[in-house]
Protein backbone atom coordinates (compact mmCIF):
# COMPACT_ATOMS: atom_id res chain seq x y z
CA UNK A 1 3.33 -17.96 -7.78
CA UNK A 2 3.94 -13.98 -7.46
CA UNK A 3 5.84 -12.62 -4.28
CA UNK A 4 5.55 -9.14 -3.18
CA UNK A 5 8.59 -7.61 -1.43
CA UNK A 6 7.80 -4.53 0.82
CA UNK A 7 10.25 -2.26 2.27
CA UNK A 8 9.77 1.10 3.97
CA UNK A 9 7.29 1.82 7.00
CA UNK A 10 8.51 2.36 10.56
CA UNK A 11 8.09 5.03 13.40
CA UNK A 12 7.45 8.84 12.75
CA UNK A 13 5.49 11.68 14.19
CA UNK A 14 2.42 12.91 13.92
CA UNK A 15 3.07 15.45 11.18
CA UNK A 16 5.60 13.12 9.52
CA UNK A 17 5.61 11.53 6.08
CA UNK A 18 7.07 7.58 5.21
CA UNK A 19 7.18 5.76 2.04
CA UNK A 20 6.34 2.54 1.47
CA UNK A 21 7.59 0.65 -1.83
CA UNK A 22 6.10 -2.84 -3.23
CA UNK A 23 8.21 -4.92 -6.09
CA UNK A 24 6.83 -7.85 -7.31
CA UNK A 25 8.78 -11.15 -8.22
CA UNK A 26 7.20 -11.48 -11.53
CA UNK A 27 4.65 -9.36 -13.73
CA UNK A 28 1.85 -11.60 -14.49
CA UNK A 29 0.46 -11.44 -17.82
CA UNK A 30 -2.53 -9.76 -18.89
CA UNK A 31 -3.74 -6.28 -17.23
CA UNK A 32 -3.47 -6.42 -13.05
CA UNK A 33 -4.42 -3.75 -10.15
CA UNK A 34 -1.78 -3.13 -7.75
CA UNK A 35 -2.28 -1.39 -3.93
CA UNK A 36 -2.58 -1.40 -0.44
CA UNK A 37 -4.32 -2.14 2.72
CA UNK A 38 -3.74 -1.74 6.12
CA UNK A 39 -4.93 -3.58 9.27
CA UNK A 40 -4.81 -1.74 12.64
CA UNK A 41 -4.72 -4.14 15.89
CA UNK A 42 -8.50 -5.19 16.81
CA UNK A 43 -9.45 -4.36 13.25
CA UNK A 44 -10.64 -5.92 10.07
CA UNK A 45 -8.01 -4.67 7.26
CA UNK A 46 -9.48 -2.52 5.50
CA UNK A 47 -8.40 -0.46 1.79
CA UNK A 48 -6.21 2.40 1.53
CA UNK A 49 -5.41 2.60 -2.11
CA UNK A 50 -5.11 1.01 -5.63
CA UNK A 51 -4.14 1.63 -8.57
CA UNK A 52 -5.22 0.15 -12.09
CA UNK A 53 -4.54 1.46 -15.98
CA UNK A 54 -8.32 2.91 -15.73
CA UNK A 55 -9.06 3.76 -11.92
CA UNK A 56 -6.95 5.03 -8.73
CA UNK A 57 -8.81 4.85 -5.77
CA UNK A 58 -8.33 6.04 -1.80
CA UNK A 59 -9.96 5.37 1.05
CA UNK A 60 -11.71 8.57 2.21
CA UNK A 61 -9.78 8.62 5.45
CA UNK A 62 -6.32 9.25 2.96
CA UNK A 63 -7.59 11.42 0.35
CA UNK A 64 -5.25 14.40 0.02
CA UNK A 65 -2.60 12.98 2.21
CA UNK A 66 -1.35 9.59 0.83
CA UNK A 67 -0.24 9.26 -2.75
CA UNK A 68 0.05 5.52 -4.65
CA UNK A 69 2.09 5.19 -7.94
CA UNK A 70 3.65 2.32 -9.76
CA UNK A 71 6.65 2.59 -12.20
CA UNK A 72 5.24 2.33 -15.82
CA UNK A 73 3.07 -0.81 -15.85
CA UNK A 74 5.34 -2.65 -14.46
CA UNK A 75 4.66 -4.58 -10.90
CA UNK A 76 5.73 -1.66 -8.38
CA UNK A 77 4.00 0.25 -6.51
CA UNK A 78 4.26 2.68 -4.01
CA UNK A 79 2.69 4.81 -1.31
CA UNK A 80 3.64 7.86 0.08
CA UNK A 81 2.11 8.96 3.51
CA UNK A 82 2.20 12.69 4.29
CA UNK A 83 0.92 14.59 7.33
CA UNK A 84 0.38 10.75 9.27
CA UNK A 85 -1.92 11.07 12.22
CA UNK A 86 -1.79 8.68 15.36
CA UNK A 87 -5.08 6.46 13.47
CA UNK A 88 -2.78 5.82 10.48
CA UNK A 89 -1.20 3.63 12.75
CA UNK A 90 -1.14 -0.37 11.33
CA UNK A 91 0.75 -3.05 9.56
CA UNK A 92 0.32 -1.89 5.96
CA UNK A 93 0.24 -4.73 3.29
CA UNK A 94 0.93 -4.80 -0.43
CA UNK A 95 -1.65 -6.55 -2.77
CA UNK A 96 -1.85 -7.55 -6.54
CA UNK A 97 -4.86 -8.78 -8.20
CA UNK A 98 -4.65 -10.12 -11.26
CA UNK A 99 -7.76 -11.78 -13.25
CA UNK A 100 -7.67 -14.63 -11.54
CA UNK A 101 -5.38 -14.53 -7.99
CA UNK A 102 -4.90 -11.71 -5.64
CA UNK A 103 -1.40 -12.03 -3.68
CA UNK A 104 -0.08 -10.09 -0.77
CA UNK A 105 2.92 -8.54 0.96
CA UNK A 106 4.23 -9.58 4.06
CA UNK A 107 3.38 -7.07 5.78
CA UNK A 108 5.22 -3.84 6.93
CA UNK A 109 4.66 -1.58 10.51
CA UNK A 110 3.87 2.08 10.35
CA UNK A 111 3.57 3.68 13.35
CA UNK A 112 2.67 7.00 14.65
CA UNK A 113 3.33 8.74 17.64
CA UNK A 114 5.14 10.93 19.29
């Protein structure tokens, strides 16, 4: 079992920046992907950004504003969010996908208002 501990997030005005951190309790054997998803009220959970050894993917809505990064290939992933807008308001979830399982963090609220 892998536990993903998230930190960061909060309330910010439009145009502001926030960073989300996620750290895994253990690093799986083999390759794995880490990423961020978000779920706004009344909407389905959606991909924000993912990062593996081979690929980095961003949702069109965040391209050019958000940056996903990892600390080497250890079990840590970060999401730098710039120029935040009200429609970025959501609960953000850290995600890890191994060859056989998927793990989720506890979720972190990001609210863009003001």
